[in-house]
C-alpha atoms as a PDB file:
ATOM      1  CA  MET A   1     248.526  89.299 126.195  1.00  0.00           C
ATOM      2  CA  GLN A   2     246.602  92.545 126.004  1.00  0.00           C
ATOM      3  CA  PRO A   3     243.748  93.177 128.417  1.00  0.00           C
ATOM      4  CA  LEU A   4     240.311  92.818 126.889  1.00  0.00           C
ATOM      5  CA  LYS A   5     238.223  95.975 126.899  1.00  0.00           C
ATOM      6  CA  ALA A   6     234.435  95.832 127.000  1.00  0.00           C
ATOM      7  CA  ASP A   7     234.122  98.236 124.081  1.00  0.00           C
ATOM      8  CA  SER A   8     236.354  96.093 121.853  1.00  0.00           C
ATOM      9  CA  VAL A   9     235.269  92.530 122.644  1.00  0.00           C
ATOM     10  CA  ASN A  10     232.262  90.830 121.114  1.00  0.00           C
ATOM     11  CA  ALA A  11     230.270  88.508 123.319  1.00  0.00           C
ATOM     12  CA  VAL A  12     226.968  86.691 123.040  1.00  0.00           C
ATOM     13  CA  VAL A  13     224.873  84.857 125.575  1.00  0.00           C
ATOM     14  CA  LYS A  14     224.217  81.179 124.749  1.00  0.00           C
ATOM     15  CA  ASN A  15     222.233  79.011 127.133  1.00  0.00           C
ATOM     16  CA  GLY A  16     222.787  81.531 129.920  1.00  0.00           C
ATOM     17  CA  ARG A  17     226.557  81.621 129.317  1.00  0.00           C
ATOM     18  CA  LEU A  18     228.651  84.554 128.158  1.00  0.00           C
ATOM     19  CA  MET A  19     230.600  83.511 125.062  1.00  0.00           C
ATOM     20  CA  LEU A  20     233.461  85.809 124.005  1.00  0.00           C
ATOM     21  CA  ASP A  21     234.475  86.028 120.389  1.00  0.00           C
ATOM     22  CA  GLU A  22     238.105  86.895 121.050  1.00  0.00           C
ATOM     23  CA  PRO A  23     241.180  84.988 119.824  1.00  0.00           C
ATOM     24  CA  THR A  24     243.573  83.858 122.541  1.00  0.00           C
ATOM     25  CA  ASP A  25     246.684  81.761 122.982  1.00  0.00           C
ATOM     26  CA  LEU A  26     245.467  80.358 126.307  1.00  0.00           C
ATOM     27  CA  PRO A  27     245.330  76.555 126.560  1.00  0.00           C
ATOM     28  CA  GLU A  28     242.013  74.728 126.164  1.00  0.00           C
ATOM     29  CA  GLY A  29     240.150  74.512 129.450  1.00  0.00           C
ATOM     30  CA  GLN A  30     241.936  77.487 131.007  1.00  0.00           C
ATOM     31  CA  VAL A  31     239.666  79.195 133.527  1.00  0.00           C
ATOM     32  CA  VAL A  32     239.548  82.970 133.135  1.00  0.00           C
ATOM     33  CA  GLU A  33     237.920  85.320 135.624  1.00  0.00           C
ATOM     34  CA  LEU A  34     236.141  88.288 134.084  1.00  0.00           C
ATOM     35  CA  VAL A  35     235.838  91.258 136.417  1.00  0.00           C
ATOM     36  CA  PRO A  36     234.226  94.575 135.495  1.00  0.00           C
ATOM     37  CA  LEU A  37     236.837  97.310 135.377  1.00  0.00           C
ATOM     38  CA  ASP A  38     234.700  99.556 137.593  1.00  0.00           C
ATOM     39  CA  GLU A  39     234.831  96.896 140.325  1.00  0.00           C
ATOM     40  CA  VAL A  40     238.616  96.586 140.082  1.00  0.00           C
ATOM     41  CA  LEU A  41     239.067 100.350 140.252  1.00  0.00           C
ATOM     42  CA  ALA A  42     236.635 100.625 143.178  1.00  0.00           C
ATOM     43  CA  ARG A  43     238.882  98.203 145.087  1.00  0.00           C
ATOM     44  CA  GLY A  44     241.950 100.328 144.453  1.00  0.00           C
ATOM     45  CA  GLY A  45     243.108  98.384 141.395  1.00  0.00           C
ATOM     46  CA  ASP A  46     243.689  95.035 143.086  1.00  0.00           C
ATOM     47  CA  TYR A  47     242.243  92.477 145.482  1.00  0.00           C
ATOM     48  CA  LEU A  48     244.655  93.068 148.343  1.00  0.00           C
ATOM     49  CA  ASP A  49     243.222  93.404 151.813  1.00  0.00           C
ATOM     50  CA  ASP A  50     244.655  95.984 154.220  1.00  0.00           C
ATOM     51  CA  GLU A  51     247.201  93.546 155.696  1.00  0.00           C
ATOM     52  CA  GLU A  52     248.397  92.394 152.264  1.00  0.00           C
ATOM     53  CA  ARG A  53     248.662  95.979 151.037  1.00  0.00           C
ATOM     54  CA  ALA A  54     250.677  96.965 154.130  1.00  0.00           C
ATOM     55  CA  GLU A  55     253.030  94.016 153.524  1.00  0.00           C
ATOM     56  CA  LEU A  56     253.422  95.051 149.875  1.00  0.00           C
ATOM     57  CA  HIS A  57     254.346  98.586 150.932  1.00  0.00           C
ATOM     58  CA  ARG A  58     256.864  97.263 153.485  1.00  0.00           C
ATOM     59  CA  GLU A  59     258.478  95.097 150.801  1.00  0.00           C
ATOM     60  CA  LEU A  60     258.597  97.999 148.354  1.00  0.00           C
ATOM     61  CA  GLU A  61     260.203 100.275 150.947  1.00  0.00           C
ATOM     62  CA  GLU A  62     262.759  97.557 151.734  1.00  0.00           C
ATOM     63  CA  SER A  63     263.539  97.134 148.035  1.00  0.00           C
ATOM     64  CA  ILE A  64     263.998 100.872 147.557  1.00  0.00           C
ATOM     65  CA  ALA A  65     266.374 100.967 150.529  1.00  0.00           C
ATOM     66  CA  GLU A  66     268.376  98.054 149.064  1.00  0.00           C
ATOM     67  CA  VAL A  67     268.724  99.835 145.719  1.00  0.00           C
ATOM     68  CA  GLU A  68     269.771 103.058 147.429  1.00  0.00           C
ATOM     69  CA  ALA A  69     272.396 101.032 149.328  1.00  0.00           C
ATOM     70  CA  GLY A  70     273.819  99.793 146.016  1.00  0.00           C
ATOM     71  CA  ALA A  71     272.058  96.456 145.472  1.00  0.00           C
ATOM     72  CA  GLU A  72     272.247  95.102 141.931  1.00  0.00           C
ATOM     73  CA  LEU A  73     269.078  95.505 139.874  1.00  0.00           C
ATOM     74  CA  ILE A  74     267.543  92.877 137.611  1.00  0.00           C
ATOM     75  CA  ASP A  75     265.570  93.968 134.556  1.00  0.00           C
ATOM     76  CA  ALA A  76     261.945  92.853 135.009  1.00  0.00           C
ATOM     77  CA  GLU A  77     261.572  91.781 131.363  1.00  0.00           C
ATOM     78  CA  ASP A  78     264.682  89.596 131.633  1.00  0.00           C
ATOM     79  CA  LEU A  79     263.433  88.034 134.863  1.00  0.00           C
ATOM     80  CA  LEU A  80     259.974  87.328 133.429  1.00  0.00           C
ATOM     81  CA  ALA A  81     261.490  85.767 130.310  1.00  0.00           C
ATOM     82  CA  GLU A  82     263.671  83.523 132.493  1.00  0.00           C
ATOM     83  CA  LEU A  83     260.713  82.497 134.666  1.00  0.00           C
ATOM     84  CA  ARG A  84     258.611  81.685 131.599  1.00  0.00           C
ATOM     85  CA  ALA A  85     261.433  79.643 130.098  1.00  0.00           C
ATOM     86  CA  ASN A  86     261.811  77.652 133.327  1.00  0.00           C
ATOM     87  CA  ALA A  87     258.058  77.126 133.768  1.00  0.00           C
ATOM     88  CA  GLY A  88     257.732  74.887 130.714  1.00  0.00           C
END
């Protein structure tokens, strides 16, 4: 699914609610959080706190070291497809 951009999505307010006019393949009742892009970018592009970000960087450094040591890589698209297939 492509991200929705404010300049390309139509929305109207009905009874104090923001109603988007955007087709989606999400299931009925799915809750979607809308966050202004400026807010996401102001937070560094994610919602990680300092401890979570440090852990992410440690994991990334460990992964890079494993690859440099000859660990086998898995294509991300293949892994995501497998996870999606197993989720249903």
